[in-house]
C-alpha cells in the first residue's frame, strides 16, 4: 500500500477528509470531494453549469432547464416547429438521403438510384418526347402514303 500513498486527494468536506483516488471536482467552486460528499456539497455555484435538459416529444429539441423550471413549464414555454417529413422516392417510396437521392433533370422528380433512369420512373420529360416522336412518325408515315398514292 506504500507505493500508492501519493495518489488521490483528501475530500474537501471538513468532517470527512477521506483520501480518495477517484475524487470528483465541483464545477462551481473547484473543490475535490469523495463520492459520498459530492452530493451533499452545498455549493451555490454548482447550478451555474447545470446541463439538465428535457426533450420535446414533437420536434425532438433539447430544452435546457433554466431558472429552476420544471420540465412541464419548459415544454409549455417552448414553441416547436414540427419535424419535416423526409423525402421519399416517387416510385418505391423508400426514404431518400443525400447519397441515395437523384433529381431527374427532365421532370424534376426526386427518386432513388434504382429508379434514376427515365424509363424506370415514368419520366414526364421523356414521355412528352416519346409522344411527340410518335406524332412525328405518324405524320411522316401519312406523308409517305400520300406520296405513294400520287405516283
N, C-alpha and C. Protein backbone atom coordinates (compact mmCIF):
# COMPACT_ATOMS: atom_id res chain seq x y z
N UNK A 1 0.82 -1.19 0.00
CA UNK A 1 0.00 0.00 0.00
C UNK A 1 0.86 1.25 0.00
N UNK A 2 2.12 1.11 0.36
CA UNK A 2 3.01 2.26 0.47
C UNK A 2 3.27 2.90 -0.88
N UNK A 3 3.27 2.11 -1.95
CA UNK A 3 3.58 2.68 -3.26
C UNK A 3 2.43 3.53 -3.81
N UNK A 4 1.23 3.46 -3.23
CA UNK A 4 0.10 4.25 -3.71
C UNK A 4 -0.24 5.41 -2.78
N UNK A 5 0.62 5.73 -1.86
CA UNK A 5 0.31 6.78 -0.89
C UNK A 5 0.29 8.17 -1.51
N UNK A 6 0.95 8.34 -2.65
CA UNK A 6 0.97 9.65 -3.28
C UNK A 6 -0.20 9.87 -4.24
N UNK A 7 -1.04 8.87 -4.45
CA UNK A 7 -2.18 9.00 -5.35
C UNK A 7 -3.41 9.52 -4.62
N UNK A 8 -4.25 10.27 -5.34
CA UNK A 8 -5.52 10.72 -4.80
C UNK A 8 -5.41 12.01 -4.03
N UNK A 9 -6.57 12.46 -3.55
CA UNK A 9 -6.66 13.70 -2.78
C UNK A 9 -7.56 13.47 -1.58
N UNK A 10 -7.46 14.37 -0.62
CA UNK A 10 -8.36 14.32 0.52
C UNK A 10 -9.64 15.05 0.16
N UNK A 11 -10.76 14.56 0.68
CA UNK A 11 -12.07 15.17 0.47
C UNK A 11 -12.07 16.56 1.11
N UNK A 12 -12.66 17.53 0.44
CA UNK A 12 -12.68 18.91 0.93
C UNK A 12 -13.71 19.14 2.03
N UNK A 13 -14.58 18.18 2.28
CA UNK A 13 -15.55 18.31 3.37
C UNK A 13 -14.77 18.26 4.69
N UNK A 14 -14.92 19.30 5.54
CA UNK A 14 -14.12 19.34 6.78
C UNK A 14 -14.42 18.20 7.74
N UNK A 15 -15.59 17.58 7.65
CA UNK A 15 -15.93 16.48 8.55
C UNK A 15 -15.53 15.12 7.99
N UNK A 16 -15.17 15.06 6.71
CA UNK A 16 -14.84 13.78 6.07
C UNK A 16 -13.32 13.62 5.94
N UNK A 17 -12.71 14.42 5.10
CA UNK A 17 -11.26 14.43 4.86
C UNK A 17 -10.72 13.05 4.48
N UNK A 18 -11.57 12.20 3.92
CA UNK A 18 -11.15 10.87 3.49
C UNK A 18 -10.28 10.99 2.25
N UNK A 19 -9.23 10.19 2.18
CA UNK A 19 -8.37 10.20 0.99
C UNK A 19 -9.01 9.28 -0.05
N UNK A 20 -9.22 9.85 -1.24
CA UNK A 20 -9.91 9.11 -2.29
C UNK A 20 -9.09 9.22 -3.57
N UNK A 21 -8.93 8.08 -4.25
CA UNK A 21 -8.18 8.06 -5.51
C UNK A 21 -9.02 8.67 -6.64
N UNK A 22 -10.32 8.47 -6.59
CA UNK A 22 -11.22 8.96 -7.63
C UNK A 22 -12.08 10.10 -7.10
N UNK A 23 -11.45 11.22 -6.79
CA UNK A 23 -12.22 12.36 -6.28
C UNK A 23 -12.99 13.01 -7.41
N UNK A 24 -14.08 13.66 -7.04
CA UNK A 24 -14.89 14.41 -8.00
C UNK A 24 -14.72 15.88 -7.70
N UNK A 25 -14.61 16.70 -8.75
CA UNK A 25 -14.40 18.13 -8.60
C UNK A 25 -15.71 18.87 -8.83
N UNK A 26 -16.06 19.79 -7.95
CA UNK A 26 -17.27 20.60 -8.09
C UNK A 26 -17.06 21.61 -9.22
N UNK A 27 -18.03 21.70 -10.13
CA UNK A 27 -17.92 22.64 -11.24
C UNK A 27 -18.01 24.09 -10.77
N UNK A 28 -18.67 24.33 -9.66
CA UNK A 28 -18.86 25.69 -9.18
C UNK A 28 -17.66 26.25 -8.45
N UNK A 29 -17.15 25.51 -7.45
CA UNK A 29 -16.07 26.05 -6.62
C UNK A 29 -14.72 25.41 -6.89
N UNK A 30 -14.68 24.28 -7.57
CA UNK A 30 -13.42 23.62 -7.90
C UNK A 30 -12.86 22.75 -6.79
N UNK A 31 -13.58 22.57 -5.71
CA UNK A 31 -13.11 21.73 -4.59
C UNK A 31 -13.29 20.26 -4.94
N UNK A 32 -12.39 19.42 -4.40
CA UNK A 32 -12.43 17.98 -4.65
C UNK A 32 -13.17 17.29 -3.51
N UNK A 33 -14.07 16.36 -3.89
CA UNK A 33 -14.87 15.64 -2.90
C UNK A 33 -14.86 14.16 -3.21
N UNK A 34 -15.11 13.35 -2.17
CA UNK A 34 -15.26 11.92 -2.37
C UNK A 34 -16.66 11.65 -2.93
N UNK A 35 -16.91 10.40 -3.26
CA UNK A 35 -18.18 10.04 -3.90
C UNK A 35 -19.38 10.33 -3.00
N UNK A 36 -19.26 10.13 -1.71
CA UNK A 36 -20.38 10.35 -0.80
C UNK A 36 -20.65 11.84 -0.57
N UNK A 37 -19.61 12.64 -0.51
CA UNK A 37 -19.77 14.05 -0.13
C UNK A 37 -20.13 14.97 -1.30
N UNK A 38 -19.89 14.56 -2.53
CA UNK A 38 -20.17 15.44 -3.67
C UNK A 38 -21.66 15.75 -3.78
N UNK A 39 -22.52 14.79 -3.42
CA UNK A 39 -23.97 15.02 -3.50
C UNK A 39 -24.46 15.88 -2.33
N UNK A 40 -23.78 15.82 -1.19
CA UNK A 40 -24.18 16.61 -0.03
C UNK A 40 -23.55 18.00 -0.04
N UNK A 41 -22.71 18.28 -0.97
CA UNK A 41 -21.99 19.55 -1.07
C UNK A 41 -22.99 20.68 -1.29
N UNK A 42 -22.93 21.70 -0.47
CA UNK A 42 -23.91 22.80 -0.55
C UNK A 42 -23.29 24.03 -1.20
N UNK A 43 -22.81 23.87 -2.41
CA UNK A 43 -22.22 24.98 -3.16
C UNK A 43 -23.33 25.68 -3.94
N UNK A 44 -23.40 26.98 -3.84
CA UNK A 44 -24.45 27.72 -4.56
C UNK A 44 -24.09 27.93 -6.03
N UNK A 45 -22.83 27.74 -6.37
CA UNK A 45 -22.40 27.99 -7.75
C UNK A 45 -22.44 26.75 -8.63
N UNK A 46 -22.71 25.58 -8.08
CA UNK A 46 -22.68 24.37 -8.92
C UNK A 46 -23.87 24.30 -9.86
N UNK A 47 -24.93 25.05 -9.61
CA UNK A 47 -26.09 25.05 -10.51
C UNK A 47 -25.86 25.91 -11.75
N UNK A 48 -24.78 26.72 -11.74
CA UNK A 48 -24.49 27.57 -12.89
C UNK A 48 -24.20 26.72 -14.12
N UNK A 49 -23.52 25.62 -13.93
CA UNK A 49 -23.17 24.75 -15.06
C UNK A 49 -24.11 23.56 -15.16
N UNK A 50 -25.32 23.70 -14.67
CA UNK A 50 -26.29 22.60 -14.73
C UNK A 50 -26.70 22.38 -16.18
N UNK A 51 -26.54 21.17 -16.65
CA UNK A 51 -26.80 20.85 -18.06
C UNK A 51 -27.99 19.92 -18.24
N UNK A 52 -28.96 19.97 -17.34
CA UNK A 52 -30.13 19.12 -17.49
C UNK A 52 -31.03 19.67 -18.58
N UNK A 53 -31.60 18.77 -19.37
CA UNK A 53 -32.49 19.15 -20.46
C UNK A 53 -33.71 18.24 -20.46
N UNK A 54 -34.75 18.70 -21.15
CA UNK A 54 -35.93 17.88 -21.39
C UNK A 54 -36.14 17.87 -22.90
N UNK A 55 -36.53 16.71 -23.45
CA UNK A 55 -36.71 16.59 -24.89
C UNK A 55 -38.17 16.81 -25.26
N UNK A 56 -38.38 17.63 -26.30
CA UNK A 56 -39.73 17.87 -26.82
C UNK A 56 -40.18 16.63 -27.59
N UNK A 57 -41.39 16.15 -27.31
CA UNK A 57 -41.90 14.95 -27.98
C UNK A 57 -42.22 15.20 -29.45
N UNK A 58 -42.57 16.43 -29.81
CA UNK A 58 -43.00 16.73 -31.18
C UNK A 58 -41.83 16.95 -32.14
N UNK A 59 -40.84 17.75 -31.70
CA UNK A 59 -39.75 18.09 -32.63
C UNK A 59 -38.41 17.51 -32.23
N UNK A 60 -38.28 16.94 -31.02
CA UNK A 60 -37.03 16.32 -30.61
C UNK A 60 -35.97 17.30 -30.15
N UNK A 61 -36.31 18.56 -29.94
CA UNK A 61 -35.36 19.57 -29.50
C UNK A 61 -35.07 19.40 -28.01
N UNK A 62 -33.80 19.57 -27.63
CA UNK A 62 -33.40 19.51 -26.23
C UNK A 62 -33.58 20.89 -25.61
N UNK A 63 -34.43 20.99 -24.60
CA UNK A 63 -34.72 22.26 -23.94
C UNK A 63 -34.01 22.30 -22.59
N UNK A 64 -33.13 23.29 -22.36
CA UNK A 64 -32.43 23.36 -21.07
C UNK A 64 -33.39 23.76 -19.95
N UNK A 65 -33.19 23.17 -18.79
CA UNK A 65 -34.00 23.51 -17.62
C UNK A 65 -33.28 24.62 -16.86
N UNK A 66 -33.67 25.86 -17.12
CA UNK A 66 -33.01 27.02 -16.51
C UNK A 66 -33.96 27.67 -15.50
N UNK A 67 -33.38 28.42 -14.59
CA UNK A 67 -34.12 29.18 -13.58
C UNK A 67 -35.11 28.31 -12.81
N UNK A 68 -34.69 27.14 -12.46
CA UNK A 68 -35.47 26.16 -11.69
C UNK A 68 -36.86 25.92 -12.29
N UNK A 69 -36.93 25.81 -13.63
CA UNK A 69 -38.17 25.46 -14.31
C UNK A 69 -38.40 23.96 -14.20
N UNK A 70 -39.65 23.59 -14.09
CA UNK A 70 -39.98 22.17 -14.15
C UNK A 70 -40.01 21.75 -15.61
N UNK A 71 -39.88 20.47 -15.91
CA UNK A 71 -39.94 20.04 -17.30
C UNK A 71 -41.26 20.42 -17.99
N UNK A 72 -42.36 20.39 -17.26
CA UNK A 72 -43.65 20.76 -17.84
C UNK A 72 -43.68 22.24 -18.21
N UNK A 73 -43.10 23.09 -17.37
CA UNK A 73 -43.07 24.52 -17.65
C UNK A 73 -42.18 24.81 -18.85
N UNK A 74 -41.05 24.11 -18.95
CA UNK A 74 -40.15 24.32 -20.08
C UNK A 74 -40.81 23.90 -21.39
N UNK A 75 -41.55 22.79 -21.37
CA UNK A 75 -42.26 22.34 -22.58
C UNK A 75 -43.39 23.29 -22.94
N UNK A 76 -44.08 23.85 -21.94
CA UNK A 76 -45.18 24.78 -22.21
C UNK A 76 -44.66 26.08 -22.82
N UNK A 77 -43.48 26.53 -22.42
CA UNK A 77 -42.92 27.77 -22.94
C UNK A 77 -42.27 27.59 -24.32
N UNK A 78 -42.05 26.35 -24.71
CA UNK A 78 -41.36 26.05 -25.98
C UNK A 78 -42.32 26.14 -27.16
N UNK A 79 -41.89 26.83 -28.21
CA UNK A 79 -42.65 26.88 -29.46
C UNK A 79 -41.91 26.00 -30.46
N UNK A 80 -42.43 24.80 -30.67
CA UNK A 80 -41.69 23.87 -31.52
C UNK A 80 -42.16 23.93 -32.96
N UNK A 81 -41.23 23.66 -33.83
CA UNK A 81 -41.50 23.52 -35.25
C UNK A 81 -41.61 22.03 -35.51
N UNK A 82 -42.73 21.54 -36.04
CA UNK A 82 -42.84 20.10 -36.31
C UNK A 82 -41.76 19.63 -37.27
N UNK A 83 -41.36 18.41 -37.10
CA UNK A 83 -40.30 17.83 -37.92
C UNK A 83 -40.79 17.70 -39.36
N UNK A 84 -39.94 18.12 -40.30
CA UNK A 84 -40.25 17.97 -41.71
C UNK A 84 -40.18 16.49 -42.07
N UNK A 85 -41.10 16.05 -42.93
CA UNK A 85 -41.05 14.66 -43.37
C UNK A 85 -39.86 14.47 -44.29
N UNK A 86 -39.26 13.30 -44.21
CA UNK A 86 -38.10 13.00 -45.04
C UNK A 86 -38.55 12.75 -46.47
N UNK A 87 -37.74 13.17 -47.45
CA UNK A 87 -38.14 12.93 -48.85
C UNK A 87 -38.14 11.45 -49.17
N UNK A 88 -39.08 11.06 -50.03
CA UNK A 88 -39.21 9.66 -50.42
C UNK A 88 -39.18 9.55 -51.93
N UNK A 89 -38.79 8.37 -52.41
CA UNK A 89 -38.74 8.09 -53.84
C UNK A 89 -40.16 8.14 -54.40
N UNK A 90 -40.32 8.76 -55.57
CA UNK A 90 -41.64 8.89 -56.19
C UNK A 90 -42.17 7.54 -56.67
N UNK A 91 -41.31 6.53 -56.84
CA UNK A 91 -41.75 5.23 -57.35
C UNK A 91 -41.96 4.23 -56.22
N UNK A 92 -40.90 3.95 -55.45
CA UNK A 92 -40.97 2.88 -54.45
C UNK A 92 -41.18 3.39 -53.02
N UNK A 93 -41.18 4.69 -52.80
CA UNK A 93 -41.44 5.33 -51.51
C UNK A 93 -40.39 5.05 -50.44
N UNK A 94 -39.17 4.66 -50.82
CA UNK A 94 -38.11 4.49 -49.83
C UNK A 94 -37.59 5.87 -49.44
N UNK A 95 -37.06 5.97 -48.21
CA UNK A 95 -36.55 7.24 -47.71
C UNK A 95 -35.28 7.60 -48.46
N UNK A 96 -35.20 8.84 -48.91
CA UNK A 96 -34.04 9.31 -49.67
C UNK A 96 -33.10 10.07 -48.76
N UNK A 97 -31.81 9.83 -48.93
CA UNK A 97 -30.78 10.60 -48.23
C UNK A 97 -29.98 11.36 -49.27
N UNK A 98 -29.02 12.13 -48.81
CA UNK A 98 -28.20 12.89 -49.74
C UNK A 98 -27.46 11.96 -50.70
N UNK A 99 -27.04 10.81 -50.21
CA UNK A 99 -26.26 9.88 -51.02
C UNK A 99 -27.12 9.05 -51.96
N UNK A 100 -28.40 8.86 -51.64
CA UNK A 100 -29.24 7.98 -52.46
C UNK A 100 -30.28 8.73 -53.28
N UNK A 101 -30.27 10.05 -53.27
CA UNK A 101 -31.29 10.82 -53.98
C UNK A 101 -30.80 11.21 -55.37
N UNK A 102 -31.69 11.10 -56.34
CA UNK A 102 -31.41 11.51 -57.72
C UNK A 102 -32.55 12.41 -58.16
N UNK A 103 -32.21 13.63 -58.58
CA UNK A 103 -33.21 14.56 -59.10
C UNK A 103 -33.13 14.49 -60.62
N UNK A 104 -34.21 14.05 -61.24
CA UNK A 104 -34.24 13.90 -62.69
C UNK A 104 -34.16 15.29 -63.33
N UNK A 105 -33.23 15.50 -64.26
CA UNK A 105 -33.10 16.82 -64.88
C UNK A 105 -34.24 17.14 -65.85
N UNK A 106 -34.99 16.12 -66.28
CA UNK A 106 -36.07 16.36 -67.24
C UNK A 106 -37.41 16.65 -66.57
N UNK A 107 -37.73 15.90 -65.50
CA UNK A 107 -39.04 16.08 -64.87
C UNK A 107 -38.95 16.59 -63.42
N UNK A 108 -37.75 16.74 -62.88
CA UNK A 108 -37.51 17.23 -61.52
C UNK A 108 -38.10 16.34 -60.42
N UNK A 109 -38.37 15.08 -60.71
CA UNK A 109 -38.81 14.14 -59.67
C UNK A 109 -37.60 13.71 -58.87
N UNK A 110 -37.80 13.53 -57.56
CA UNK A 110 -36.73 13.01 -56.70
C UNK A 110 -36.97 11.52 -56.54
N UNK A 111 -36.02 10.73 -57.02
CA UNK A 111 -36.15 9.28 -56.98
C UNK A 111 -34.88 8.67 -56.41
N UNK A 112 -34.95 7.38 -56.05
CA UNK A 112 -33.76 6.68 -55.56
C UNK A 112 -32.89 6.29 -56.75
N UNK A 113 -31.69 5.83 -56.46
CA UNK A 113 -30.76 5.49 -57.54
C UNK A 113 -31.25 4.33 -58.39
N UNK A 114 -32.06 3.46 -57.81
CA UNK A 114 -32.60 2.33 -58.56
C UNK A 114 -33.54 2.81 -59.68
N UNK A 115 -34.22 3.93 -59.47
CA UNK A 115 -35.19 4.44 -60.44
C UNK A 115 -34.70 5.71 -61.13
N UNK A 116 -33.39 5.89 -61.27
CA UNK A 116 -32.85 7.11 -61.85
C UNK A 116 -33.02 7.19 -63.37
N UNK A 117 -33.15 6.05 -64.02
CA UNK A 117 -33.32 6.07 -65.47
C UNK A 117 -34.72 6.55 -65.82
N UNK A 118 -34.87 7.32 -66.90
CA UNK A 118 -36.18 7.87 -67.25
C UNK A 118 -37.26 6.81 -67.44
N UNK A 119 -36.89 5.66 -67.96
CA UNK A 119 -37.88 4.60 -68.18
C UNK A 119 -38.37 4.01 -66.86
N UNK A 120 -37.52 4.06 -65.81
CA UNK A 120 -37.86 3.44 -64.54
C UNK A 120 -38.81 4.27 -63.69
N UNK A 121 -38.85 5.58 -63.90
CA UNK A 121 -39.73 6.40 -63.07
C UNK A 121 -40.79 7.14 -63.89
N UNK A 122 -41.09 6.63 -65.07
CA UNK A 122 -42.13 7.22 -65.93
C UNK A 122 -41.91 8.73 -66.06
N UNK A 123 -40.74 9.08 -66.55
CA UNK A 123 -40.32 10.47 -66.67
C UNK A 123 -41.27 11.23 -67.59
N UNK A 124 -41.81 12.32 -67.09
CA UNK A 124 -42.72 13.14 -67.89
C UNK A 124 -41.97 13.81 -69.03
N UNK A 125 -40.70 14.12 -68.81
CA UNK A 125 -39.89 14.74 -69.86
C UNK A 125 -39.69 13.81 -71.04
N UNK A 126 -39.38 12.57 -70.78
CA UNK A 126 -39.16 11.61 -71.86
C UNK A 126 -40.48 11.14 -72.46
N UNK A 127 -41.52 11.06 -71.63
CA UNK A 127 -42.83 10.66 -72.16
C UNK A 127 -43.35 11.73 -73.11
N UNK A 128 -43.10 12.98 -72.78
CA UNK A 128 -43.50 14.06 -73.69
C UNK A 128 -42.75 13.96 -75.00
N UNK A 129 -41.46 13.65 -74.93
CA UNK A 129 -40.65 13.48 -76.14
C UNK A 129 -41.12 12.27 -76.93
N UNK A 130 -41.48 11.20 -76.23
CA UNK A 130 -41.93 9.99 -76.92
C UNK A 130 -43.26 10.24 -77.62
N UNK A 131 -44.14 10.99 -76.98
CA UNK A 131 -45.43 11.29 -77.61
C UNK A 131 -45.21 12.16 -78.84
N UNK A 132 -44.32 13.11 -78.74
CA UNK A 132 -44.01 13.97 -79.89
C UNK A 132 -43.37 13.14 -80.99
N UNK A 133 -42.49 12.22 -80.62
CA UNK A 133 -41.84 11.37 -81.61
C UNK A 133 -42.87 10.48 -82.31
N UNK A 134 -43.83 9.96 -81.54
CA UNK A 134 -44.89 9.14 -82.14
C UNK A 134 -45.73 9.96 -83.12
N UNK A 135 -46.03 11.19 -82.73
CA UNK A 135 -46.82 12.05 -83.61
C UNK A 135 -46.04 12.36 -84.88
N UNK A 136 -44.75 12.64 -84.73
CA UNK A 136 -43.91 12.93 -85.90
C UNK A 136 -43.81 11.70 -86.81
N UNK A 137 -43.67 10.51 -86.21
CA UNK A 137 -43.59 9.29 -87.00
C UNK A 137 -44.90 9.04 -87.74
N UNK A 138 -46.02 9.28 -87.09
CA UNK A 138 -47.33 9.10 -87.73
C UNK A 138 -47.50 10.10 -88.87
N UNK A 139 -47.07 11.33 -88.66
CA UNK A 139 -47.17 12.35 -89.71
C UNK A 139 -46.28 11.99 -90.89
N UNK A 140 -45.08 11.47 -90.62
CA UNK A 140 -44.17 11.08 -91.70
C UNK A 140 -44.73 9.90 -92.47
N UNK A 141 -45.33 8.93 -91.77
CA UNK A 141 -45.93 7.77 -92.45
C UNK A 141 -47.10 8.21 -93.32
N UNK A 142 -47.88 9.14 -92.83
CA UNK A 142 -49.01 9.66 -93.60
C UNK A 142 -48.53 10.39 -94.85
N UNK A 143 -47.47 11.15 -94.70
CA UNK A 143 -46.92 11.88 -95.85
C UNK A 143 -46.36 10.91 -96.88
N UNK A 144 -45.72 9.83 -96.43
CA UNK A 144 -45.20 8.82 -97.35
C UNK A 144 -46.35 8.14 -98.10
N UNK A 145 -47.42 7.86 -97.37
CA UNK A 145 -48.58 7.21 -98.00
C UNK A 145 -49.19 8.11 -99.07
N UNK A 146 -49.26 9.40 -98.82
CA UNK A 146 -49.78 10.34 -99.82
C UNK A 146 -48.89 10.40 -101.04
N UNK A 147 -47.58 10.37 -100.78
CA UNK A 147 -46.63 10.45 -101.90
C UNK A 147 -46.75 9.21 -102.78
N UNK A 148 -46.96 8.05 -102.14
CA UNK A 148 -47.09 6.81 -102.91
C UNK A 148 -48.38 6.81 -103.73
N UNK A 149 -49.44 7.42 -103.24
CA UNK A 149 -50.70 7.48 -103.97
C UNK A 149 -50.60 8.41 -105.16
N UNK A 150 -49.83 9.46 -105.03
CA UNK A 150 -49.70 10.44 -106.10
C UNK A 150 -48.95 9.83 -107.28
N UNK A 151 -48.02 9.03 -107.08
CA UNK A 151 -47.22 8.46 -108.16
C UNK A 151 -48.01 7.53 -108.92
